[in-house]
Amino acid sequence: MQPTTVVQAARDALGPVGVFLPSPLAEAAPVDVQREAVGRLERAGYRAAWTNEGVGGKDAFVQLAVLLAATQRMTFGTGIANIWARAPQTAHGAAALLAQAHPGRFVLGLGVGYPEQAASAGRAFGSPLATMRDYVDRMAEPTQLPAPDVAYPRILAALGPKMLALAGEISDGAFPAMVPPEFTARARQALGPDKLLVVGLSVVVDTDAQRAKETAREVLSSRIGRAAASYAATLARLGFPDQEIAEVSDRLVDAVIGHGDPASIAAKAREHLAAGADHVLVMLPVGGDFATDVDELERLAPALVR
């Protein structure tokens, strides 16, 4: 299958808007609860759902194997599969098997993660670009036991211009998250028309506009603090002054986070689609209650999927 065909098939399968599956930090949601949740989200009209991954604990491929089998049509993606969690040949084998078992319903998102994740796997982080290139190259190396000969879309988590360029060179597209629509427009220009562009949109749903904005500010402040240098550099390249980034200004919050009522969330998603995103996935704050967050995503569906 040619790359453009893989990309177009993914666009058709994902649709314009999907959801990031809730990700509690204290305790994993029981598998039966997860099965029920994705069934509800599928019936609500969402065509795609994505899951995250760290190093150790939850395995994104196993999780999606269970959830793919529990749904009829929904497409699932890893957002992202952490490269420190498994060998590249193993990642390819797992992705190919899911793609073979559920044709057209799986997208592999890969990310280089953070230095502490590499350290937890007993590895040196090194250069993110060189590390990612080496990982993707090694996915195609011969293995003791063969992987299914199946094509599947592969995209890279990317915020910096060099990682975006690498994504366009060695994969089927890119997956930036928590970025303003201006970044999406630049990413589309960098990737060109034939690559898949999936954008993660962090959202805070609250009909009290001021409270929604303050919660959104807390979410963005946490993101800036977690990856201060690299993420702040991304925002600076978009024209945000250092002071605005440090203070997490209203303008920055409004640009990056979808916040407010469902109509406001849907409007922010449409901004990214108009800027060139193929697919926008809405992400509630990490660490919330799984059942409560699924209820919230279900309530958002009429505004997002109509």
Protein backbone atom coordinates (compact mmCIF):
# COMPACT_ATOMS: atom_id res chain seq x y z
CA MET A 1 0.00 0.00 0.00
CA GLN A 2 1.45 3.37 -1.00
CA PRO A 3 1.91 6.00 1.75
CA THR A 4 -0.69 8.36 0.30
CA THR A 5 -3.20 5.50 0.32
CA VAL A 6 -2.38 4.72 3.96
CA VAL A 7 -2.87 8.38 4.85
CA GLN A 8 -6.16 8.73 3.00
CA ALA A 9 -7.49 5.54 4.55
CA ALA A 10 -6.58 6.89 7.99
CA ARG A 11 -8.30 10.21 7.27
CA ASP A 12 -11.46 8.41 6.24
CA ALA A 13 -11.40 6.13 9.27
CA LEU A 14 -10.59 8.75 11.92
CA GLY A 15 -13.00 11.44 10.82
CA PRO A 16 -12.53 15.06 11.88
CA VAL A 17 -12.90 14.73 15.68
CA GLY A 18 -12.04 12.00 18.18
CA VAL A 19 -11.41 11.61 21.90
CA PHE A 20 -8.50 10.92 24.18
CA LEU A 21 -9.49 8.12 26.55
CA PRO A 22 -9.50 9.26 30.19
CA SER A 23 -6.24 8.53 31.94
CA PRO A 24 -6.51 8.20 35.73
CA LEU A 25 -3.21 8.26 37.59
CA ALA A 26 -4.10 6.69 40.92
CA GLU A 27 -5.78 3.48 39.78
CA ALA A 28 -6.39 1.82 36.41
CA ALA A 29 -10.00 1.58 35.25
CA PRO A 30 -11.20 -2.06 35.22
CA VAL A 31 -11.25 -3.57 31.76
CA ASP A 32 -15.02 -4.12 31.77
CA VAL A 33 -15.50 -0.44 32.59
CA GLN A 34 -13.22 0.49 29.68
CA ARG A 35 -15.13 -1.80 27.31
CA GLU A 36 -18.42 -0.24 28.32
CA ALA A 37 -16.95 3.25 27.98
CA VAL A 38 -15.73 2.85 24.39
CA GLY A 39 -19.05 1.29 23.46
CA ARG A 40 -20.83 4.37 24.80
CA LEU A 41 -18.44 6.71 23.01
CA GLU A 42 -18.90 4.83 19.75
CA ARG A 43 -22.70 5.02 20.07
CA ALA A 44 -22.38 8.73 20.85
CA GLY A 45 -20.94 9.20 17.37
CA TYR A 46 -17.19 9.37 17.93
CA ARG A 47 -15.30 7.53 15.20
CA ALA A 48 -11.90 7.45 16.92
CA ALA A 49 -10.33 7.17 20.36
CA TRP A 50 -6.71 7.46 21.47
CA THR A 51 -4.76 6.27 24.48
CA ASN A 52 -1.52 7.35 26.13
CA GLU A 53 1.36 5.37 27.58
CA GLY A 54 4.29 5.77 29.94
CA VAL A 55 6.99 3.22 30.70
CA GLY A 56 5.74 0.28 32.72
CA GLY A 57 2.23 -0.40 33.96
CA LYS A 58 -0.28 0.15 31.18
CA ASP A 59 0.63 -1.27 27.77
CA ALA A 60 -1.08 0.73 25.01
CA PHE A 61 -1.06 -2.12 22.48
CA VAL A 62 -2.68 -4.59 24.86
CA GLN A 63 -5.24 -2.00 25.94
CA LEU A 64 -6.22 -1.27 22.35
CA ALA A 65 -6.37 -4.95 21.45
CA VAL A 66 -9.07 -5.32 24.11
CA LEU A 67 -10.95 -2.17 23.09
CA LEU A 68 -10.83 -2.85 19.35
CA ALA A 69 -12.46 -6.21 20.02
CA ALA A 70 -15.13 -4.50 22.15
CA THR A 71 -16.26 -2.10 19.40
CA GLN A 72 -17.64 -2.46 15.89
CA ARG A 73 -16.30 0.44 13.86
CA MET A 74 -14.26 2.76 16.09
CA THR A 75 -10.67 3.46 15.06
CA PHE A 76 -8.04 3.56 17.81
CA GLY A 77 -4.65 5.19 17.97
CA THR A 78 -1.73 5.37 20.35
CA GLY A 79 -1.18 8.91 21.46
CA ILE A 80 1.53 8.09 22.02
CA ALA A 81 3.26 4.70 22.26
CA ASN A 82 6.42 5.46 24.19
CA ILE A 83 9.55 4.27 22.40
CA TRP A 84 11.26 3.44 25.71
CA ALA A 85 8.53 0.92 26.60
CA ARG A 86 9.54 -1.75 24.05
CA ALA A 87 12.00 -2.68 21.33
CA PRO A 88 11.24 -1.19 17.91
CA GLN A 89 10.77 -4.59 16.25
CA THR A 90 8.28 -5.51 18.99
CA ALA A 91 6.36 -2.27 18.43
CA HIS A 92 6.13 -3.04 14.72
CA GLY A 93 4.99 -6.59 15.36
CA ALA A 94 2.28 -5.45 17.78
CA ALA A 95 1.08 -2.69 15.46
CA ALA A 96 1.01 -4.98 12.43
CA LEU A 97 -0.96 -7.63 14.30
CA LEU A 98 -3.57 -5.09 15.44
CA ALA A 99 -3.81 -3.75 11.89
CA GLN A 100 -4.26 -7.26 10.51
CA ALA A 101 -6.89 -8.20 13.11
CA HIS A 102 -8.85 -4.95 12.69
CA PRO A 103 -8.23 -3.64 9.15
CA GLY A 104 -8.26 0.12 8.83
CA ARG A 105 -8.97 0.71 12.52
CA PHE A 106 -5.51 1.31 14.01
CA VAL A 107 -3.05 4.22 13.88
CA LEU A 108 0.37 4.03 15.51
CA GLY A 109 1.56 7.21 17.16
CA LEU A 110 5.15 7.09 18.43
CA GLY A 111 6.91 9.52 20.73
CA VAL A 112 10.37 9.94 22.21
CA GLY A 113 8.98 11.01 25.58
CA TYR A 114 11.16 12.47 28.33
CA PRO A 115 14.66 11.81 29.73
CA GLU A 116 13.25 10.37 32.97
CA GLN A 117 11.32 7.79 30.94
CA ALA A 118 14.49 6.71 29.18
CA ALA A 119 16.25 6.50 32.54
CA SER A 120 13.46 4.33 33.96
CA ALA A 121 14.12 1.88 31.12
CA GLY A 122 17.87 1.93 31.85
CA ARG A 123 18.65 3.90 28.69
CA ALA A 124 20.31 7.22 27.87
CA PHE A 125 17.94 9.76 26.29
CA GLY A 126 20.48 11.18 23.86
CA SER A 127 19.43 13.24 20.86
CA PRO A 128 15.65 13.01 20.35
CA LEU A 129 16.00 13.27 16.57
CA ALA A 130 18.72 10.64 16.27
CA THR A 131 16.93 8.38 18.74
CA MET A 132 13.63 8.56 16.88
CA ARG A 133 15.23 8.02 13.48
CA ASP A 134 17.11 5.00 14.79
CA TYR A 135 13.96 3.57 16.38
CA VAL A 136 11.88 3.86 13.21
CA ASP A 137 14.71 2.43 11.10
CA ARG A 138 15.03 -0.56 13.42
CA MET A 139 11.31 -1.32 13.25
CA ALA A 140 11.95 -2.79 9.79
CA GLU A 141 14.90 -4.98 10.80
CA PRO A 142 14.63 -8.78 10.49
CA THR A 143 13.34 -10.59 13.58
CA GLN A 144 13.56 -14.10 14.93
CA LEU A 145 9.82 -14.54 14.43
CA PRO A 146 8.05 -12.66 11.60
CA ALA A 147 5.51 -9.90 12.03
CA PRO A 148 2.40 -9.82 9.82
CA ASP A 149 3.04 -8.22 6.44
CA VAL A 150 0.44 -5.48 6.89
CA ALA A 151 0.62 -1.75 6.26
CA TYR A 152 -0.60 0.68 8.93
CA PRO A 153 -0.30 4.45 9.40
CA ARG A 154 2.59 5.59 11.57
CA ILE A 155 2.90 9.14 12.91
CA LEU A 156 5.37 10.85 15.25
CA ALA A 157 4.75 13.12 18.21
CA ALA A 158 6.30 16.40 17.08
CA LEU A 159 6.49 19.98 18.36
CA GLY A 160 9.82 21.33 17.16
CA PRO A 161 10.50 22.11 13.50
CA LYS A 162 13.22 19.45 13.26
CA MET A 163 10.96 16.70 14.63
CA LEU A 164 8.19 17.84 12.30
CA ALA A 165 10.58 17.58 9.37
CA LEU A 166 11.66 14.12 10.51
CA ALA A 167 8.03 13.04 10.81
CA GLY A 168 7.43 14.13 7.23
CA GLU A 169 10.54 12.27 6.08
CA ILE A 170 10.26 8.89 7.82
CA SER A 171 6.59 8.49 8.78
CA ASP A 172 3.06 9.09 7.57
CA GLY A 173 2.58 12.27 9.55
CA ALA A 174 2.73 14.08 12.87
CA PHE A 175 0.90 14.32 16.18
CA PRO A 176 1.41 17.63 18.01
CA ALA A 177 -0.60 18.34 21.17
CA MET A 178 -1.50 21.40 23.24
CA VAL A 179 -0.69 23.86 20.48
CA PRO A 180 -2.59 26.85 19.07
CA PRO A 181 -4.12 26.75 15.58
CA GLU A 182 -1.19 28.82 14.29
CA PHE A 183 1.07 25.86 15.03
CA THR A 184 -1.31 23.55 13.18
CA ALA A 185 -1.11 25.80 10.12
CA ARG A 186 2.70 25.77 10.23
CA ALA A 187 2.75 22.02 10.73
CA ARG A 188 0.53 21.50 7.69
CA GLN A 189 2.81 23.72 5.63
CA ALA A 190 5.88 21.80 6.82
CA LEU A 191 4.34 18.38 6.18
CA GLY A 192 2.65 19.16 2.88
CA PRO A 193 -0.76 17.90 1.78
CA ASP A 194 0.01 14.18 1.65
CA LYS A 195 0.78 13.57 5.33
CA LEU A 196 -1.57 12.86 8.22
CA LEU A 197 -1.83 15.65 10.79
CA VAL A 198 -3.48 14.68 14.09
CA VAL A 199 -3.75 17.43 16.73
CA GLY A 200 -4.37 16.90 20.43
CA LEU A 201 -6.62 19.65 21.82
CA SER A 202 -6.61 19.97 25.61
CA VAL A 203 -10.05 21.05 26.85
CA VAL A 204 -11.73 22.22 30.03
CA VAL A 205 -15.51 21.97 29.98
CA ASP A 206 -17.34 24.38 32.29
CA THR A 207 -20.28 26.67 31.57
CA ASP A 208 -18.81 29.19 34.02
CA ALA A 209 -16.49 30.99 31.60
CA GLN A 210 -14.18 32.53 34.19
CA ARG A 211 -13.80 29.32 36.14
CA ALA A 212 -13.13 27.42 32.91
CA LYS A 213 -10.36 29.85 32.00
CA GLU A 214 -8.68 29.57 35.40
CA THR A 215 -8.76 25.79 35.27
CA ALA A 216 -7.37 25.95 31.73
CA ARG A 217 -4.57 28.18 33.00
CA GLU A 218 -3.67 25.57 35.62
CA VAL A 219 -3.59 22.84 32.96
CA LEU A 220 -1.34 24.89 30.69
CA SER A 221 0.91 25.98 33.55
CA SER A 222 1.43 22.34 34.47
CA ARG A 223 2.36 21.51 30.88
CA ILE A 224 4.84 24.36 30.68
CA GLY A 225 6.42 23.31 33.96
CA ARG A 226 6.73 19.66 32.96
CA ALA A 227 8.67 20.35 29.78
CA ALA A 228 9.72 23.94 30.29
CA ALA A 229 12.50 24.45 27.76
CA SER A 230 11.19 22.54 24.75
CA TYR A 231 7.53 23.48 25.09
CA ALA A 232 8.28 27.13 25.90
CA ALA A 233 10.50 27.24 22.82
CA THR A 234 7.58 26.04 20.70
CA LEU A 235 5.37 28.81 22.07
CA ALA A 236 8.13 31.40 21.60
CA ARG A 237 8.50 30.43 17.93
CA LEU A 238 4.82 31.27 17.54
CA GLY A 239 5.43 34.82 18.77
CA PHE A 240 4.52 34.56 22.46
CA PRO A 241 6.91 36.68 24.57
CA ASP A 242 8.78 35.09 27.46
CA GLN A 243 6.75 37.09 29.98
CA GLU A 244 3.44 35.82 28.59
CA ILE A 245 4.72 32.25 28.71
CA ALA A 246 6.00 32.64 32.27
CA GLU A 247 2.78 34.26 33.44
CA VAL A 248 0.53 31.96 31.34
CA SER A 249 -1.35 34.94 30.00
CA ASP A 250 -5.02 35.04 29.03
CA ARG A 251 -4.02 35.27 25.37
CA LEU A 252 -1.91 32.14 25.65
CA VAL A 253 -4.63 30.21 27.48
CA ASP A 254 -7.22 31.21 24.89
CA ALA A 255 -4.92 30.19 22.04
CA VAL A 256 -3.92 26.76 23.36
CA ILE A 257 -6.75 25.36 25.51
CA GLY A 258 -10.35 24.84 24.47
CA HIS A 259 -12.39 26.01 27.46
CA GLY A 260 -15.97 26.85 28.25
CA ASP A 261 -19.23 25.25 27.15
CA PRO A 262 -19.49 22.51 24.50
CA ALA A 263 -20.04 25.04 21.72
CA SER A 264 -16.79 26.80 22.65
CA ILE A 265 -14.91 23.48 22.65
CA ALA A 266 -16.31 22.61 19.22
CA ALA A 267 -15.36 26.05 17.88
CA LYS A 268 -11.73 25.57 18.96
CA ALA A 269 -11.64 22.15 17.30
CA ARG A 270 -12.93 23.72 14.09
CA GLU A 271 -10.11 26.30 14.23
CA HIS A 272 -7.55 23.49 14.07
CA LEU A 273 -9.41 21.74 11.25
CA ALA A 274 -9.54 24.99 9.30
CA ALA A 275 -5.79 25.43 9.90
CA GLY A 276 -5.03 22.09 8.27
CA ALA A 277 -5.54 19.32 10.84
CA ASP A 278 -6.98 16.10 9.46
CA HIS A 279 -8.17 14.99 12.87
CA VAL A 280 -8.52 16.70 16.26
CA LEU A 281 -8.79 14.67 19.44
CA VAL A 282 -10.15 16.35 22.55
CA MET A 283 -8.22 15.68 25.74
CA LEU A 284 -9.70 16.23 29.19
CA PRO A 285 -7.10 16.90 31.91
CA VAL A 286 -5.06 13.80 32.79
CA GLY A 287 -5.68 12.30 36.20
CA GLY A 288 -9.44 12.77 36.46
CA ASP A 289 -12.01 10.18 37.41
CA PHE A 290 -12.48 7.73 34.54
CA ALA A 291 -16.27 7.38 34.78
CA THR A 292 -16.83 11.12 35.24
CA ASP A 293 -14.64 11.94 32.25
CA VAL A 294 -16.43 9.42 30.02
CA ASP A 295 -19.72 11.05 30.99
CA GLU A 296 -18.25 14.42 30.03
CA LEU A 297 -17.05 13.17 26.64
CA GLU A 298 -20.48 11.69 25.99
CA ARG A 299 -22.11 15.03 26.77
CA LEU A 300 -19.70 16.80 24.42
CA ALA A 301 -20.52 14.50 21.49
CA PRO A 302 -23.53 16.39 20.06
CA ALA A 303 -21.43 19.55 19.69
CA LEU A 304 -18.33 17.80 18.36
CA VAL A 305 -19.60 15.13 15.99
CA ARG A 306 -22.59 16.75 14.35
